[in-house]
Protein backbone atom coordinates (compact mmCIF):
# COMPACT_ATOMS: atom_id res chain seq x y z
CA UNK A 1 0.03 -0.03 -0.13
CA UNK A 2 1.71 3.40 -1.01
CA UNK A 3 1.54 5.75 1.93
CA UNK A 4 -0.92 8.22 -0.22
CA UNK A 5 -3.41 5.64 0.20
CA UNK A 6 -2.33 5.42 3.96
CA UNK A 7 -2.86 8.64 4.39
CA UNK A 8 -6.72 8.58 3.12
CA UNK A 9 -7.31 5.76 5.49
CA UNK A 10 -6.30 7.45 8.42
CA UNK A 11 -7.96 10.41 7.57
CA UNK A 12 -11.30 8.78 6.83
CA UNK A 13 -10.69 6.56 10.55
CA UNK A 14 -10.37 9.75 12.17
CA UNK A 15 -13.22 11.34 10.30
CA UNK A 16 -15.27 8.39 11.54
CA UNK A 17 -14.10 8.41 15.02
CA UNK A 18 -14.61 12.44 15.95
CA UNK A 19 -17.26 13.12 13.10
CA UNK A 20 -15.26 15.50 11.47
CA UNK A 21 -15.32 16.47 8.52
CA UNK A 22 -13.19 14.89 5.72
CA UNK A 23 -11.16 18.19 5.22
CA UNK A 24 -10.89 18.82 9.26
CA UNK A 25 -9.85 15.15 10.08
CA UNK A 26 -7.04 15.93 7.16
CA UNK A 27 -5.59 19.27 8.99
CA UNK A 28 -5.29 17.15 12.00
CA UNK A 29 -3.69 14.48 10.30
CA UNK A 30 -1.13 16.21 8.49
CA UNK A 31 -0.56 18.72 11.71
CA UNK A 32 0.82 15.48 13.57
CA UNK A 33 3.17 14.50 10.15
CA UNK A 34 6.97 16.40 10.23
CA UNK A 35 6.77 16.43 6.60
CA UNK A 36 3.92 17.74 4.06
CA UNK A 37 4.42 14.58 1.16
CA UNK A 38 4.69 11.23 1.84
CA UNK A 39 8.07 9.72 2.10
CA UNK A 40 7.28 6.65 0.01
CA UNK A 41 6.39 8.75 -2.78
CA UNK A 42 9.47 10.45 -2.93
CA UNK A 43 11.05 6.90 -3.44
CA UNK A 44 8.57 5.72 -6.14
CA UNK A 45 9.62 8.97 -8.47
CA UNK A 46 12.42 10.60 -9.77
CA UNK A 47 14.46 12.84 -7.68
CA UNK A 48 15.40 15.94 -8.74
CA UNK A 49 18.90 15.96 -7.90
CA UNK A 50 19.02 12.79 -10.23
CA UNK A 51 17.89 14.23 -13.60
CA UNK A 52 19.21 17.55 -15.62
CA UNK A 53 17.33 20.31 -16.00
CA UNK A 54 15.54 20.01 -19.34
CA UNK A 55 12.45 21.61 -21.27
CA UNK A 56 9.82 19.81 -18.70
CA UNK A 57 12.26 21.29 -15.46
CA UNK A 58 10.45 24.37 -13.56
CA UNK A 59 14.60 25.20 -13.71
CA UNK A 60 14.18 25.74 -17.51
CA UNK A 61 10.89 27.61 -17.96
CA UNK A 62 11.16 30.98 -20.19
CA UNK A 63 8.85 32.84 -17.90
CA UNK A 64 8.90 33.54 -14.83
CA UNK A 65 7.32 31.54 -11.86
CA UNK A 66 4.33 33.24 -9.95
CA UNK A 67 6.71 32.14 -6.64
CA UNK A 68 10.00 31.46 -6.62
CA UNK A 69 11.77 27.60 -5.54
CA UNK A 70 12.66 28.28 -2.63
CA UNK A 71 9.02 29.60 -1.60
CA UNK A 72 7.71 26.35 -2.66
CA UNK A 73 9.98 24.61 -0.55
CA UNK A 74 9.34 26.61 2.51
CA UNK A 75 5.77 25.93 2.04
CA UNK A 76 5.45 22.61 0.90
CA UNK A 77 8.53 20.80 1.81
CA UNK A 78 10.05 19.86 -2.05
CA UNK A 79 10.70 22.27 -5.19
CA UNK A 80 9.07 22.33 -8.44
CA UNK A 81 10.68 19.39 -10.19
CA UNK A 82 9.62 16.98 -7.01
CA UNK A 83 5.88 18.26 -7.48
CA UNK A 84 6.46 18.01 -11.95
CA UNK A 85 7.85 14.50 -10.70
CA UNK A 86 4.76 13.98 -8.67
CA UNK A 87 2.20 15.04 -11.51
CA UNK A 88 3.94 12.97 -13.99
CA UNK A 89 3.30 9.78 -11.91
CA UNK A 90 -0.24 10.88 -11.46
CA UNK A 91 -0.51 11.59 -15.63
CA UNK A 92 -1.67 15.06 -14.81
CA UNK A 93 -1.07 15.55 -18.46
CA UNK A 94 -4.26 13.38 -19.20
CA UNK A 95 -6.28 13.90 -16.14
CA UNK A 96 -6.79 17.65 -16.47
CA UNK A 97 -6.23 20.77 -14.39
CA UNK A 98 -8.48 20.18 -11.10
CA UNK A 99 -7.77 16.60 -10.76
CA UNK A 100 -3.98 17.63 -10.67
CA UNK A 101 -4.95 20.09 -8.19
CA UNK A 102 -7.15 18.18 -6.08
CA UNK A 103 -4.30 15.11 -6.03
CA UNK A 104 -1.69 17.89 -4.50
CA UNK A 105 -4.29 18.74 -1.95
CA UNK A 106 -5.71 16.02 -0.81
CA UNK A 107 -3.13 13.27 -1.24
CA UNK A 108 0.05 14.96 -0.21
CA UNK A 109 -1.62 17.81 1.70
CA UNK A 110 -0.19 20.81 -0.14
CA UNK A 111 -2.12 24.28 0.60
CA UNK A 112 -4.96 24.86 -1.63
CA UNK A 113 -3.04 28.39 -3.25
CA UNK A 114 0.30 26.29 -3.80
CA UNK A 115 -1.46 23.72 -5.55
CA UNK A 116 -2.93 26.00 -8.23
CA UNK A 117 0.42 27.65 -8.79
CA UNK A 118 2.18 24.38 -8.62
CA UNK A 119 -0.30 23.04 -11.36
CA UNK A 120 0.03 26.11 -13.33
CA UNK A 121 4.13 25.92 -13.26
CA UNK A 122 3.65 22.23 -14.57
CA UNK A 123 1.00 22.82 -17.38
CA UNK A 124 3.50 25.61 -18.89
CA UNK A 125 6.34 23.59 -18.46
CA UNK A 126 5.05 20.94 -20.21
CA UNK A 127 3.56 22.79 -23.10
CA UNK A 128 -0.28 22.39 -21.71
CA UNK A 129 -1.16 26.11 -21.04
CA UNK A 130 0.44 29.30 -22.42
CA UNK A 131 1.29 32.25 -20.62
CA UNK A 132 -1.53 34.09 -19.42
CA UNK A 133 -3.70 31.39 -20.65
CA UNK A 134 -6.65 29.55 -18.42
CA UNK A 135 -7.04 25.96 -17.87
CA UNK A 136 -10.25 26.65 -19.94
CA UNK A 137 -8.01 27.49 -23.00
CA UNK A 138 -8.91 31.19 -22.92
CA UNK A 139 -6.55 33.88 -22.19
CA UNK A 140 -6.53 36.53 -19.21
CA UNK A 141 -4.84 39.85 -17.89
CA UNK A 142 -4.23 41.84 -15.17
CA UNK A 143 -3.23 45.33 -15.00
CA UNK A 144 -3.23 47.13 -11.55
CA UNK A 145 -2.33 50.93 -10.58
CA UNK A 146 -1.60 52.37 -7.14
CA UNK A 147 -3.38 55.94 -6.71
CA UNK A 148 -3.28 58.15 -4.32
CA UNK A 149 -6.65 58.47 -3.18
CA UNK A 150 -9.29 56.61 -0.91
CA UNK A 151 -11.31 53.98 -2.16
CA UNK A 152 -14.66 55.87 -1.96
CA UNK A 153 -13.01 58.82 -4.12
CA UNK A 154 -11.99 56.29 -6.41
CA UNK A 155 -15.42 54.63 -6.41
CA UNK A 156 -16.73 58.18 -7.27
CA UNK A 157 -14.39 58.73 -10.28
CA UNK A 158 -16.27 55.71 -12.04
CA UNK A 159 -19.74 56.33 -10.70
CA UNK A 160 -20.12 59.99 -11.07
CA UNK A 161 -20.53 60.49 -15.08
CA UNK A 162 -18.27 63.94 -15.56
CA UNK A 163 -15.64 62.49 -13.84
CA UNK A 164 -16.09 59.38 -15.49
CA UNK A 165 -15.88 60.92 -18.84
CA UNK A 166 -12.85 63.38 -17.55
CA UNK A 167 -10.01 60.20 -17.32
CA UNK A 168 -11.95 58.29 -19.75
CA UNK A 169 -10.76 60.70 -22.55
CA UNK A 170 -7.31 59.16 -22.72
CA UNK A 171 -8.62 56.02 -22.96
CA UNK A 172 -9.31 53.63 -25.84
CA UNK A 173 -12.88 54.51 -27.25
CA UNK A 174 -13.80 50.63 -27.14
CA UNK A 175 -12.77 50.32 -23.30
CA UNK A 176 -14.34 53.76 -22.48
CA UNK A 177 -17.76 52.89 -24.61
CA UNK A 178 -17.93 49.38 -22.60
CA UNK A 179 -17.08 50.96 -19.19
CA UNK A 180 -19.66 53.61 -19.47
CA UNK A 181 -22.46 51.09 -20.67
CA UNK A 182 -21.90 49.22 -17.72
CA UNK A 183 -22.87 52.12 -15.40
CA UNK A 184 -25.05 53.72 -17.58
CA UNK A 185 -26.75 51.67 -19.72
CA UNK A 186 -30.57 50.09 -19.96
CA UNK A 187 -28.85 47.44 -17.12
CA UNK A 188 -26.80 50.05 -15.40
CA UNK A 189 -24.76 49.20 -12.32
CA UNK A 190 -22.88 51.09 -9.87
CA UNK A 191 -19.22 49.91 -8.16
CA UNK A 192 -20.35 47.48 -5.73
CA UNK A 193 -19.06 48.78 -2.11
CA UNK A 194 -18.13 46.42 0.39
CA UNK A 195 -16.94 48.25 3.26
CA UNK A 196 -14.42 51.24 3.12
CA UNK A 197 -11.50 49.31 2.51
CA UNK A 198 -13.04 47.25 -0.59
CA UNK A 199 -15.35 47.81 -3.68
CA UNK A 200 -15.78 46.32 -7.12
CA UNK A 201 -17.71 45.92 -10.74
CA UNK A 202 -17.87 43.77 -13.11
CA UNK A 203 -19.00 43.50 -16.65
CA UNK A 204 -18.91 42.30 -20.36
CA UNK A 205 -16.85 44.03 -22.88
CA UNK A 206 -17.86 42.46 -26.00
CA UNK A 207 -17.09 38.52 -25.61
CA UNK A 208 -14.69 38.91 -22.57
CA UNK A 209 -15.51 39.58 -19.02
CA UNK A 210 -13.99 42.78 -16.82
CA UNK A 211 -13.68 42.85 -13.01
CA UNK A 212 -12.29 46.19 -11.61
CA UNK A 213 -11.20 45.71 -8.03
CA UNK A 214 -10.55 48.73 -5.72
CA UNK A 215 -8.95 48.02 -2.45
CA UNK A 216 -7.47 50.34 0.32
CA UNK A 217 -3.40 49.98 0.57
CA UNK A 218 -1.80 50.47 3.93
CA UNK A 219 -0.56 53.83 3.11
CA UNK A 220 -3.56 55.52 2.77
CA UNK A 221 -4.33 55.09 -1.13
CA UNK A 222 -5.58 52.37 -2.72
CA UNK A 223 -4.80 49.73 -5.35
CA UNK A 224 -6.91 49.35 -8.78
CA UNK A 225 -7.17 46.21 -10.46
CA UNK A 226 -8.55 45.13 -13.97
CA UNK A 227 -9.01 41.64 -14.47
CA UNK A 228 -9.96 41.37 -18.05
CA UNK A 229 -10.32 37.58 -19.01
CA UNK A 230 -11.81 35.15 -21.51
CA UNK A 231 -9.32 36.99 -24.43
CA UNK A 232 -8.69 35.18 -27.55
CA UNK A 233 -5.23 34.80 -28.07
CA UNK A 234 -1.97 35.86 -26.62
CA UNK A 235 -1.87 38.89 -28.89
CA UNK A 236 -5.37 39.89 -27.10
CA UNK A 237 -3.46 39.97 -23.99
CA UNK A 238 -0.93 42.64 -25.18
CA UNK A 239 -2.98 44.42 -26.58
CA UNK A 240 -5.77 44.81 -23.51
CA UNK A 241 -2.58 44.99 -21.45
CA UNK A 242 -1.31 48.15 -22.79
CA UNK A 243 -5.13 49.68 -23.38
CA UNK A 244 -5.67 49.19 -19.00
CA UNK A 245 -2.71 50.30 -18.25
CA UNK A 246 -3.08 53.96 -20.31
CA UNK A 247 -6.76 53.82 -18.65
CA UNK A 248 -5.41 53.14 -14.87
CA UNK A 249 -2.50 56.12 -15.40
CA UNK A 250 -5.13 58.38 -16.46
CA UNK A 251 -7.61 57.79 -13.45
CA UNK A 252 -3.97 58.15 -11.52
CA UNK A 253 -3.55 61.47 -12.96
CA UNK A 254 -7.87 62.33 -12.40
CA UNK A 255 -7.88 61.87 -8.62
CA UNK A 256 -4.30 62.86 -7.95
CA UNK A 257 -5.19 66.73 -9.22
């Protein structure tokens, strides 16, 4: 029996005994273990140090990893190459993104956010996913700008028609029309304010989706993030990145003045 199966049995046994959910029982069982990844598995897959870096290795990726190898080791007990070998053994190429993430999380105790980062890096290294491409096959881009204004001040720059028109003069016409239509059209909406520190707006731009997130920063300003998803290609990513950079720079100048 592999260590992974033993781990599952131990978790289920505790769950039956204590009445805890599987997730709660897993957390308790893993908390008593010295390492996150099963030792037995390390003998079943190739050791990272036993093979040179190749096209499929994290060490040779042509893109910047979201988090470095040292940070992955600190949080999971192993580096990218170890986890790539684990996913190879799991046949993640054919099983897909979600099963791979679940395998890392449930069978090896890797924290949820790190499961996603490791799996995305693996898919890119194995040629399954391009940079900025989602697991659904479409593309996405995120552009951010820190502005010297409160969240409420930034929200006002979006919701007030005259103020919005002022800073959108420098923006792309298509971007400006889509944002204005979302706020003033037949189904117009306002920026949704969660509290004094957080607000957001979601709307469609042609066949893509946009989410604007506004969050207070520790120094009294606000971070404005534009996430544009469901893009058709990598070239669309570059185009939208440039358009959002111009728009957010104009917004910054507006609230600064």
